[in-house]
C-alpha atoms as a PDB file:
ATOM      1  CA  UNK A   1     137.451  59.372-187.839  1.00  0.00           C
ATOM      2  CA  UNK A   2     140.372  59.992-190.064  1.00  0.00           C
ATOM      3  CA  UNK A   3     140.747  63.379-191.949  1.00  0.00           C
ATOM      4  CA  UNK A   4     140.402  61.544-195.256  1.00  0.00           C
ATOM      5  CA  UNK A   5     137.058  59.876-194.328  1.00  0.00           C
ATOM      6  CA  UNK A   6     135.703  63.263-193.041  1.00  0.00           C
ATOM      7  CA  UNK A   7     136.797  64.941-196.232  1.00  0.00           C
ATOM      8  CA  UNK A   8     135.369  62.262-198.349  1.00  0.00           C
ATOM      9  CA  UNK A   9     131.929  62.307-196.615  1.00  0.00           C
ATOM     10  CA  UNK A  10     131.903  66.193-196.840  1.00  0.00           C
ATOM     11  CA  UNK A  11     132.489  66.047-200.571  1.00  0.00           C
ATOM     12  CA  UNK A  12     129.805  63.265-200.929  1.00  0.00           C
ATOM     13  CA  UNK A  13     127.296  65.539-199.105  1.00  0.00           C
ATOM     14  CA  UNK A  14     128.226  68.438-201.505  1.00  0.00           C
ATOM     15  CA  UNK A  15     127.674  66.177-204.471  1.00  0.00           C
ATOM     16  CA  UNK A  16     124.316  64.907-203.131  1.00  0.00           C
ATOM     17  CA  UNK A  17     123.179  68.597-202.708  1.00  0.00           C
ATOM     18  CA  UNK A  18     124.372  69.437-206.174  1.00  0.00           C
ATOM     19  CA  UNK A  19     122.560  66.392-207.588  1.00  0.00           C
ATOM     20  CA  UNK A  20     119.443  67.419-205.715  1.00  0.00           C
ATOM     21  CA  UNK A  21     119.600  71.014-207.176  1.00  0.00           C
ATOM     22  CA  UNK A  22     120.191  69.530-210.595  1.00  0.00           C
ATOM     23  CA  UNK A  23     117.138  67.247-210.325  1.00  0.00           C
ATOM     24  CA  UNK A  24     114.947  70.052-209.074  1.00  0.00           C
ATOM     25  CA  UNK A  25     116.084  72.307-211.927  1.00  0.00           C
ATOM     26  CA  UNK A  26     115.275  69.549-214.667  1.00  0.00           C
ATOM     27  CA  UNK A  27     112.072  68.833-213.016  1.00  0.00           C
ATOM     28  CA  UNK A  28     110.951  72.481-212.884  1.00  0.00           C
ATOM     29  CA  UNK A  29     112.083  73.119-216.546  1.00  0.00           C
ATOM     30  CA  UNK A  30     110.482  69.819-217.845  1.00  0.00           C
ATOM     31  CA  UNK A  31     107.264  70.422-215.874  1.00  0.00           C
ATOM     32  CA  UNK A  32     106.916  73.942-217.250  1.00  0.00           C
ATOM     33  CA  UNK A  33     107.521  72.665-220.852  1.00  0.00           C
ATOM     34  CA  UNK A  34     105.163  69.882-220.496  1.00  0.00           C
ATOM     35  CA  UNK A  35     102.438  71.901-218.916  1.00  0.00           C
ATOM     36  CA  UNK A  36     102.675  74.482-221.606  1.00  0.00           C
ATOM     37  CA  UNK A  37     102.625  71.797-224.272  1.00  0.00           C
ATOM     38  CA  UNK A  38      99.475  70.292-222.551  1.00  0.00           C
ATOM     39  CA  UNK A  39      97.878  73.636-222.510  1.00  0.00           C
ATOM     40  CA  UNK A  40      98.686  74.166-226.105  1.00  0.00           C
ATOM     41  CA  UNK A  41      97.318  70.763-227.183  1.00  0.00           C
ATOM     42  CA  UNK A  42      94.185  71.566-225.238  1.00  0.00           C
ATOM     43  CA  UNK A  43      93.843  74.786-227.077  1.00  0.00           C
ATOM     44  CA  UNK A  44      93.977  73.004-230.454  1.00  0.00           C
ATOM     45  CA  UNK A  45      91.460  70.469-229.224  1.00  0.00           C
ATOM     46  CA  UNK A  46      89.065  73.422-228.416  1.00  0.00           C
ATOM     47  CA  UNK A  47      89.933  74.971-231.938  1.00  0.00           C
ATOM     48  CA  UNK A  48      88.874  71.761-233.567  1.00  0.00           C
ATOM     49  CA  UNK A  49      85.497  71.768-231.751  1.00  0.00           C
ATOM     50  CA  UNK A  50      85.061  75.308-232.768  1.00  0.00           C
ATOM     51  CA  UNK A  51      85.692  74.387-236.537  1.00  0.00           C
ATOM     52  CA  UNK A  52      83.166  71.573-236.334  1.00  0.00           C
ATOM     53  CA  UNK A  53      80.452  73.758-234.693  1.00  0.00           C
ATOM     54  CA  UNK A  54      81.311  76.529-237.387  1.00  0.00           C
ATOM     55  CA  UNK A  55      80.709  73.941-240.190  1.00  0.00           C
ATOM     56  CA  UNK A  56      77.434  72.747-238.590  1.00  0.00           C
ATOM     57  CA  UNK A  57      76.240  76.354-238.133  1.00  0.00           C
ATOM     58  CA  UNK A  58      76.894  77.130-241.777  1.00  0.00           C
ATOM     59  CA  UNK A  59      75.118  74.171-243.044  1.00  0.00           C
ATOM     60  CA  UNK A  60      72.167  74.918-240.708  1.00  0.00           C
ATOM     61  CA  UNK A  61      71.816  78.403-242.122  1.00  0.00           C
ATOM     62  CA  UNK A  62      72.031  77.173-245.664  1.00  0.00           C
ATOM     63  CA  UNK A  63      69.407  74.620-244.926  1.00  0.00           C
ATOM     64  CA  UNK A  64      67.155  77.264-243.452  1.00  0.00           C
ATOM     65  CA  UNK A  65      67.575  79.559-246.439  1.00  0.00           C
ATOM     66  CA  UNK A  66      66.363  76.531-248.739  1.00  0.00           C
ATOM     67  CA  UNK A  67      63.390  75.934-246.409  1.00  0.00           C
ATOM     68  CA  UNK A  68      62.098  79.350-246.158  1.00  0.00           C
ATOM     69  CA  UNK A  69      62.488  79.668-249.986  1.00  0.00           C
ATOM     70  CA  UNK A  70      60.276  76.666-250.492  1.00  0.00           C
ATOM     71  CA  UNK A  71      57.997  77.981-247.892  1.00  0.00           C
ATOM     72  CA  UNK A  72      57.550  81.273-249.704  1.00  0.00           C
ATOM     73  CA  UNK A  73      57.000  79.654-253.105  1.00  0.00           C
ATOM     74  CA  UNK A  74      54.195  77.528-251.336  1.00  0.00           C
ATOM     75  CA  UNK A  75      52.557  80.194-249.492  1.00  0.00           C
ATOM     76  CA  UNK A  76      53.747  83.595-250.800  1.00  0.00           C
ATOM     77  CA  UNK A  77      53.749  84.816-247.235  1.00  0.00           C
ATOM     78  CA  UNK A  78      56.249  87.725-246.395  1.00  0.00           C
ATOM     79  CA  UNK A  79      57.497  86.171-243.269  1.00  0.00           C
ATOM     80  CA  UNK A  80      59.182  83.429-245.214  1.00  0.00           C
ATOM     81  CA  UNK A  81      60.962  86.000-247.262  1.00  0.00           C
ATOM     82  CA  UNK A  82      62.087  87.688-244.165  1.00  0.00           C
ATOM     83  CA  UNK A  83      63.297  84.489-242.575  1.00  0.00           C
ATOM     84  CA  UNK A  84      65.217  83.729-245.719  1.00  0.00           C
ATOM     85  CA  UNK A  85      67.017  87.067-245.757  1.00  0.00           C
ATOM     86  CA  UNK A  86      67.957  86.434-242.084  1.00  0.00           C
ATOM     87  CA  UNK A  87      69.397  83.104-242.952  1.00  0.00           C
ATOM     88  CA  UNK A  88      71.350  84.569-245.889  1.00  0.00           C
ATOM     89  CA  UNK A  89      72.734  87.436-243.858  1.00  0.00           C
ATOM     90  CA  UNK A  90      73.911  84.920-241.054  1.00  0.00           C
ATOM     91  CA  UNK A  91      75.459  82.586-243.709  1.00  0.00           C
ATOM     92  CA  UNK A  92      77.929  85.062-245.010  1.00  0.00           C
ATOM     93  CA  UNK A  93      79.728  85.998-241.658  1.00  0.00           C
ATOM     94  CA  UNK A  94      79.420  82.240-240.561  1.00  0.00           C
ATOM     95  CA  UNK A  95      81.492  81.293-243.667  1.00  0.00           C
ATOM     96  CA  UNK A  96      84.028  84.042-243.089  1.00  0.00           C
ATOM     97  CA  UNK A  97      84.337  82.813-239.553  1.00  0.00           C
ATOM     98  CA  UNK A  98      84.875  79.260-240.788  1.00  0.00           C
ATOM     99  CA  UNK A  99      87.598  80.424-243.141  1.00  0.00           C
ATOM    100  CA  UNK A 100      89.383  82.201-240.389  1.00  0.00           C
ATOM    101  CA  UNK A 101      89.311  79.166-238.120  1.00  0.00           C
ATOM    102  CA  UNK A 102      90.284  76.524-240.787  1.00  0.00           C
ATOM    103  CA  UNK A 103      92.743  78.784-242.657  1.00  0.00           C
ATOM    104  CA  UNK A 104      95.632  77.090-240.941  1.00  0.00           C
ATOM    105  CA  UNK A 105      94.909  73.797-242.559  1.00  0.00           C
ATOM    106  CA  UNK A 106      95.511  73.433-246.254  1.00  0.00           C
ATOM    107  CA  UNK A 107      93.171  70.616-246.614  1.00  0.00           C
ATOM    108  CA  UNK A 108      90.298  72.517-244.993  1.00  0.00           C
ATOM    109  CA  UNK A 109      91.253  75.675-247.010  1.00  0.00           C
ATOM    110  CA  UNK A 110      90.994  73.884-250.183  1.00  0.00           C
ATOM    111  CA  UNK A 111      87.676  72.332-249.355  1.00  0.00           C
ATOM    112  CA  UNK A 112      86.369  75.738-248.150  1.00  0.00           C
ATOM    113  CA  UNK A 113      87.489  77.585-251.320  1.00  0.00           C
ATOM    114  CA  UNK A 114      85.500  74.965-253.414  1.00  0.00           C
ATOM    115  CA  UNK A 115      82.546  75.357-251.140  1.00  0.00           C
ATOM    116  CA  UNK A 116      82.195  79.173-251.162  1.00  0.00           C
ATOM    117  CA  UNK A 117      81.193  79.633-254.872  1.00  0.00           C
ATOM    118  CA  UNK A 118      78.631  76.912-254.581  1.00  0.00           C
ATOM    119  CA  UNK A 119      77.106  78.519-251.566  1.00  0.00           C
ATOM    120  CA  UNK A 120      76.850  81.879-253.166  1.00  0.00           C
ATOM    121  CA  UNK A 121      75.489  80.343-256.264  1.00  0.00           C
ATOM    122  CA  UNK A 122      72.824  78.445-254.291  1.00  0.00           C
ATOM    123  CA  UNK A 123      71.771  81.531-252.273  1.00  0.00           C
ATOM    124  CA  UNK A 124      71.369  83.531-255.490  1.00  0.00           C
ATOM    125  CA  UNK A 125      69.366  80.815-256.930  1.00  0.00           C
ATOM    126  CA  UNK A 126      66.939  80.875-253.948  1.00  0.00           C
ATOM    127  CA  UNK A 127      66.696  84.579-254.069  1.00  0.00           C
ATOM    128  CA  UNK A 128      65.891  84.549-257.725  1.00  0.00           C
ATOM    129  CA  UNK A 129      63.220  82.054-257.201  1.00  0.00           C
ATOM    130  CA  UNK A 130      61.645  84.150-254.464  1.00  0.00           C
ATOM    131  CA  UNK A 131      61.943  87.303-256.505  1.00  0.00           C
ATOM    132  CA  UNK A 132      60.017  85.572-259.399  1.00  0.00           C
ATOM    133  CA  UNK A 133      57.264  84.413-257.125  1.00  0.00           C
ATOM    134  CA  UNK A 134      56.848  87.784-255.718  1.00  0.00           C
ATOM    135  CA  UNK A 135      56.285  89.274-259.054  1.00  0.00           C
ATOM    136  CA  UNK A 136      53.686  86.753-259.914  1.00  0.00           C
ATOM    137  CA  UNK A 137      55.865  84.640-262.175  1.00  0.00           C
ATOM    138  CA  UNK A 138      55.127  81.338-260.504  1.00  0.00           C
ATOM    139  CA  UNK A 139      55.783  79.325-263.532  1.00  0.00           C
ATOM    140  CA  UNK A 140      59.292  80.427-263.894  1.00  0.00           C
ATOM    141  CA  UNK A 141      59.978  80.039-260.141  1.00  0.00           C
ATOM    142  CA  UNK A 142      58.490  76.662-260.143  1.00  0.00           C
ATOM    143  CA  UNK A 143      60.567  75.685-263.274  1.00  0.00           C
ATOM    144  CA  UNK A 144      63.772  76.577-261.187  1.00  0.00           C
ATOM    145  CA  UNK A 145      62.684  74.342-258.431  1.00  0.00           C
ATOM    146  CA  UNK A 146      61.658  71.432-260.748  1.00  0.00           C
ATOM    147  CA  UNK A 147      64.944  71.496-262.687  1.00  0.00           C
ATOM    148  CA  UNK A 148      66.512  70.299-259.433  1.00  0.00           C
ATOM    149  CA  UNK A 149      69.829  71.858-260.374  1.00  0.00           C
ATOM    150  CA  UNK A 150      70.040  73.360-256.895  1.00  0.00           C
ATOM    151  CA  UNK A 151      69.658  70.016-255.416  1.00  0.00           C
ATOM    152  CA  UNK A 152      72.884  68.754-257.086  1.00  0.00           C
ATOM    153  CA  UNK A 153      74.614  71.805-255.738  1.00  0.00           C
ATOM    154  CA  UNK A 154      73.261  71.157-252.261  1.00  0.00           C
ATOM    155  CA  UNK A 155      74.543  67.655-252.409  1.00  0.00           C
ATOM    156  CA  UNK A 156      78.035  68.903-253.434  1.00  0.00           C
ATOM    157  CA  UNK A 157      78.119  71.289-250.631  1.00  0.00           C
ATOM    158  CA  UNK A 158      76.936  68.690-248.104  1.00  0.00           C
ATOM    159  CA  UNK A 159      79.800  66.416-249.484  1.00  0.00           C
ATOM    160  CA  UNK A 160      82.533  69.038-249.016  1.00  0.00           C
ATOM    161  CA  UNK A 161      81.159  69.838-245.499  1.00  0.00           C
ATOM    162  CA  UNK A 162      81.378  66.092-244.713  1.00  0.00           C
ATOM    163  CA  UNK A 163      85.007  65.962-245.823  1.00  0.00           C
ATOM    164  CA  UNK A 164      85.753  69.048-243.610  1.00  0.00           C
ATOM    165  CA  UNK A 165      84.036  67.394-240.732  1.00  0.00           C
ATOM    166  CA  UNK A 166      85.951  64.163-241.232  1.00  0.00           C
ATOM    167  CA  UNK A 167      89.253  66.061-241.275  1.00  0.00           C
ATOM    168  CA  UNK A 168      88.369  67.795-237.993  1.00  0.00           C
ATOM    169  CA  UNK A 169      87.411  64.400-236.523  1.00  0.00           C
ATOM    170  CA  UNK A 170      90.814  63.016-237.430  1.00  0.00           C
ATOM    171  CA  UNK A 171      92.605  66.123-235.908  1.00  0.00           C
ATOM    172  CA  UNK A 172      90.450  65.932-232.778  1.00  0.00           C
ATOM    173  CA  UNK A 173      91.499  62.403-232.128  1.00  0.00           C
ATOM    174  CA  UNK A 174      95.166  63.314-232.770  1.00  0.00           C
ATOM    175  CA  UNK A 175      95.203  66.353-230.616  1.00  0.00           C
ATOM    176  CA  UNK A 176      93.274  64.764-227.864  1.00  0.00           C
ATOM    177  CA  UNK A 177      95.902  61.938-227.733  1.00  0.00           C
ATOM    178  CA  UNK A 178      98.825  64.508-227.749  1.00  0.00           C
ATOM    179  CA  UNK A 179      97.097  66.523-224.883  1.00  0.00           C
ATOM    180  CA  UNK A 180      96.732  63.283-222.794  1.00  0.00           C
ATOM    181  CA  UNK A 181     100.268  62.319-223.462  1.00  0.00           C
ATOM    182  CA  UNK A 182     101.602  65.600-222.355  1.00  0.00           C
ATOM    183  CA  UNK A 183      99.690  65.536-219.146  1.00  0.00           C
ATOM    184  CA  UNK A 184     100.721  62.044-218.357  1.00  0.00           C
ATOM    185  CA  UNK A 185     104.444  62.938-219.095  1.00  0.00           C
ATOM    186  CA  UNK A 186     104.235  65.865-216.950  1.00  0.00           C
ATOM    187  CA  UNK A 187     102.824  63.982-214.035  1.00  0.00           C
ATOM    188  CA  UNK A 188     105.376  61.209-214.514  1.00  0.00           C
ATOM    189  CA  UNK A 189     108.235  63.616-214.495  1.00  0.00           C
ATOM    190  CA  UNK A 190     107.091  65.330-211.323  1.00  0.00           C
ATOM    191  CA  UNK A 191     106.617  61.918-209.543  1.00  0.00           C
ATOM    192  CA  UNK A 192     109.891  60.373-210.628  1.00  0.00           C
ATOM    193  CA  UNK A 193     111.860  63.533-209.855  1.00  0.00           C
ATOM    194  CA  UNK A 194     110.353  63.877-206.380  1.00  0.00           C
ATOM    195  CA  UNK A 195     111.032  60.286-205.646  1.00  0.00           C
ATOM    196  CA  UNK A 196     114.668  60.798-206.688  1.00  0.00           C
ATOM    197  CA  UNK A 197     114.883  63.825-204.470  1.00  0.00           C
ATOM    198  CA  UNK A 198     113.628  61.985-201.424  1.00  0.00           C
ATOM    199  CA  UNK A 199     116.172  59.095-202.037  1.00  0.00           C
ATOM    200  CA  UNK A 200     119.016  61.718-202.115  1.00  0.00           C
ATOM    201  CA  UNK A 201     117.695  63.136-198.898  1.00  0.00           C
ATOM    202  CA  UNK A 202     117.536  59.782-197.346  1.00  0.00           C
ATOM    203  CA  UNK A 203     121.157  59.151-198.321  1.00  0.00           C
ATOM    204  CA  UNK A 204     122.321  62.493-196.804  1.00  0.00           C
ATOM    205  CA  UNK A 205     120.330  61.980-193.681  1.00  0.00           C
ATOM    206  CA  UNK A 206     121.992  58.374-193.370  1.00  0.00           C
ATOM    207  CA  UNK A 207     125.519  59.871-193.775  1.00  0.00           C
ATOM    208  CA  UNK A 208     124.869  62.595-191.250  1.00  0.00           C
ATOM    209  CA  UNK A 209     123.469  60.014-188.617  1.00  0.00           C
ATOM    210  CA  UNK A 210     126.389  57.656-189.093  1.00  0.00           C
ATOM    211  CA  UNK A 211     128.812  60.723-188.706  1.00  0.00           C
ATOM    212  CA  UNK A 212     127.163  61.938-185.576  1.00  0.00           C
ATOM    213  CA  UNK A 213     127.094  58.378-183.970  1.00  0.00           C
ATOM    214  CA  UNK A 214     130.704  57.964-184.636  1.00  0.00           C
ATOM    215  CA  UNK A 215     131.637  61.327-183.323  1.00  0.00           C
ATOM    216  CA  UNK A 216     129.715  60.623-179.957  1.00  0.00           C
ATOM    217  CA  UNK A 217     131.208  57.182-179.341  1.00  0.00           C
ATOM    218  CA  UNK A 218     134.102  57.264-176.797  1.00  0.00           C
ATOM    219  CA  UNK A 219     137.442  55.843-177.739  1.00  0.00           C
ATOM    220  CA  UNK A 220     138.122  52.296-176.681  1.00  0.00           C
ATOM    221  CA  UNK A 221     140.432  51.983-173.693  1.00  0.00           C
ATOM    222  CA  UNK A 222     140.529  55.715-172.926  1.00  0.00           C
ATOM    223  CA  UNK A 223     139.424  57.372-169.755  1.00  0.00           C
ATOM    224  CA  UNK A 224     138.483  60.955-169.529  1.00  0.00           C
ATOM    225  CA  UNK A 225     140.223  63.613-167.519  1.00  0.00           C
ATOM    226  CA  UNK A 226     137.285  63.912-165.344  1.00  0.00           C
ATOM    227  CA  UNK A 227     137.395  60.277-164.448  1.00  0.00           C
ATOM    228  CA  UNK A 228     141.105  60.606-163.669  1.00  0.00           C
ATOM    229  CA  UNK A 229     140.400  63.577-161.267  1.00  0.00           C
ATOM    230  CA  UNK A 230     137.639  61.638-159.693  1.00  0.00           C
ATOM    231  CA  UNK A 231     139.794  58.608-159.060  1.00  0.00           C
ATOM    232  CA  UNK A 232     142.589  60.680-157.532  1.00  0.00           C
ATOM    233  CA  UNK A 233     140.250  62.725-155.453  1.00  0.00           C
ATOM    234  CA  UNK A 234     138.790  59.715-153.811  1.00  0.00           C
ATOM    235  CA  UNK A 235     142.099  58.034-152.967  1.00  0.00           C
ATOM    236  CA  UNK A 236     143.884  61.172-151.873  1.00  0.00           C
ATOM    237  CA  UNK A 237     144.650  61.350-147.947  1.00  0.00           C
ATOM    238  CA  UNK A 238     142.856  63.995-145.850  1.00  0.00           C
ATOM    239  CA  UNK A 239     144.125  67.606-146.040  1.00  0.00           C
ATOM    240  CA  UNK A 240     145.567  67.447-142.504  1.00  0.00           C
ATOM    241  CA  UNK A 241     147.648  64.414-143.517  1.00  0.00           C
ATOM    242  CA  UNK A 242     149.017  65.781-146.624  1.00  0.00           C
ATOM    243  CA  UNK A 243     152.617  66.691-146.873  1.00  0.00           C
ATOM    244  CA  UNK A 244     153.577  70.362-147.050  1.00  0.00           C
ATOM    245  CA  UNK A 245     155.718  69.583-149.796  1.00  0.00           C
ATOM    246  CA  UNK A 246     154.730  70.392-153.518  1.00  0.00           C
ATOM    247  CA  UNK A 247     152.292  67.648-154.631  1.00  0.00           C
ATOM    248  CA  UNK A 248     153.399  65.502-157.502  1.00  0.00           C
ATOM    249  CA  UNK A 249     149.835  64.657-158.321  1.00  0.00           C
ATOM    250  CA  UNK A 250     149.429  66.381-161.641  1.00  0.00           C
ATOM    251  CA  UNK A 251     146.584  66.001-164.010  1.00  0.00           C
ATOM    252  CA  UNK A 252     147.039  63.171-166.300  1.00  0.00           C
ATOM    253  CA  UNK A 253     145.430  63.679-169.706  1.00  0.00           C
ATOM    254  CA  UNK A 254     143.214  61.046-171.415  1.00  0.00           C
ATOM    255  CA  UNK A 255     145.931  60.870-174.205  1.00  0.00           C
ATOM    256  CA  UNK A 256     148.501  59.728-171.626  1.00  0.00           C
ATOM    257  CA  UNK A 257     146.230  57.169-170.078  1.00  0.00           C
ATOM    258  CA  UNK A 258     145.383  55.810-173.501  1.00  0.00           C
ATOM    259  CA  UNK A 259     149.050  55.493-174.357  1.00  0.00           C
ATOM    260  CA  UNK A 260     149.783  53.601-171.045  1.00  0.00           C
ATOM    261  CA  UNK A 261     146.717  51.473-171.575  1.00  0.00           C
ATOM    262  CA  UNK A 262     147.866  50.222-175.004  1.00  0.00           C
END
């Protein structure tokens, strides 16, 4: 093998090693980025679910307050008033929690800002009707219910809550799609990069095998020094018959044999 060929293969192996390191670095950096992005997308999906749950919980407490108000007006039982106050006390922190969760979305913030005064107005109307009934002013309390002004307010609140839920549904689909895409890209990058590294390793192993096979193959037309010595030892006369003069049988190198052979 000529020095140029040896030098070329050595450079090629160095380039293969460098390419493998670059690929591994790109795979590692890309995988870390995509995994973090998928984790962030999953966090936003969970955030969307939390917002939807908080919307439902707030609506549930408002409907519970309305039901207990009607129940008290019908029966005047103190238990309904107690249940009403519990629902009203849970509604306020629920709306604050909803505002904290949905405050990052301008659309949700606008809808919530429009909803909060209506909810407070409706709770005060329920409380006023209960107080009128408690003080034996049933006609005034019944008039508030019959005017059905509160029903329009409740419908408006339900409409705003429905818009908020529709916005969260849209975000849920979008964020779920992004999370799935990030996970798919991370898996694809890992698979493709690993395959490329295997290909580079195969090329390097093939080069090393070819080099080793070429190095261990004897030269054509050359005889080794050991063979020459063996040939001379079998053809030499016995020791007793050898002349006392200095022997002219010198070891002949393989290079000399090759030169004579060619």
